[in-house]
Amino acid sequence: MPIAMATGHAAGVCAALTVRHGRGPRGLPYRLVQRELLRQGARLRTGPPD
């Protein structure tokens, strides 16, 4: 369930950002998506695996 929730959260953020920036999902820089997810309180592992 947590993975499905995280995937849905990321998909929703991507959808909102594509509308806001007038681009398709492939045109969004991944850093923009990460930054928004972090702003919304998501916990991301952005570095190399432990």
Protein backbone atom coordinates (compact mmCIF):
# COMPACT_ATOMS: atom_id res chain seq x y z
CA MET A 1 0.00 0.00 0.00
CA PRO A 2 2.73 2.60 0.78
CA ILE A 3 4.32 2.10 -2.64
CA ALA A 4 0.96 2.56 -4.38
CA MET A 5 0.34 5.73 -2.36
CA ALA A 6 3.78 7.12 -3.23
CA THR A 7 3.31 6.30 -6.91
CA GLY A 8 -0.10 7.98 -6.95
CA HIS A 9 1.27 11.05 -5.18
CA ALA A 10 4.09 11.34 -7.73
CA ALA A 11 1.69 10.84 -10.64
CA GLY A 12 -0.60 13.57 -9.32
CA VAL A 13 2.30 15.97 -8.86
CA CYS A 14 3.49 15.24 -12.40
CA ALA A 15 0.00 15.85 -13.79
CA ALA A 16 -0.33 19.17 -11.96
CA LEU A 17 3.12 20.32 -13.05
CA THR A 18 2.46 19.46 -16.70
CA VAL A 19 -0.63 21.67 -16.65
CA ARG A 20 1.12 24.46 -14.74
CA HIS A 21 4.12 24.51 -17.09
CA GLY A 22 2.30 23.67 -20.32
CA ARG A 23 4.52 20.68 -21.08
CA GLY A 24 4.09 16.97 -21.47
CA PRO A 25 5.31 14.71 -18.68
CA ARG A 26 8.52 13.90 -20.56
CA GLY A 27 9.27 17.61 -20.79
CA LEU A 28 9.38 18.07 -17.01
CA PRO A 29 12.81 18.10 -15.40
CA TYR A 30 12.87 15.38 -12.74
CA ARG A 31 14.36 17.84 -10.26
CA LEU A 32 11.22 19.96 -10.53
CA VAL A 33 9.09 16.93 -9.66
CA GLN A 34 11.39 15.99 -6.76
CA ARG A 35 11.37 19.52 -5.40
CA GLU A 36 7.56 19.65 -5.41
CA LEU A 37 7.25 16.24 -3.78
CA LEU A 38 9.67 17.31 -1.04
CA ARG A 39 7.75 20.57 -0.59
CA GLN A 40 4.61 18.53 -0.02
CA GLY A 41 6.32 16.38 2.61
CA ALA A 42 7.19 13.27 0.62
CA ARG A 43 10.20 11.32 1.81
CA LEU A 44 12.55 10.64 -1.10
CA ARG A 45 15.85 8.91 -1.35
CA THR A 46 17.66 11.09 -3.88
CA GLY A 47 21.21 9.83 -3.33
CA PRO A 48 22.92 6.51 -3.99
CA PRO A 49 21.51 3.44 -2.20
CA ASP A 50 22.84 2.71 1.27
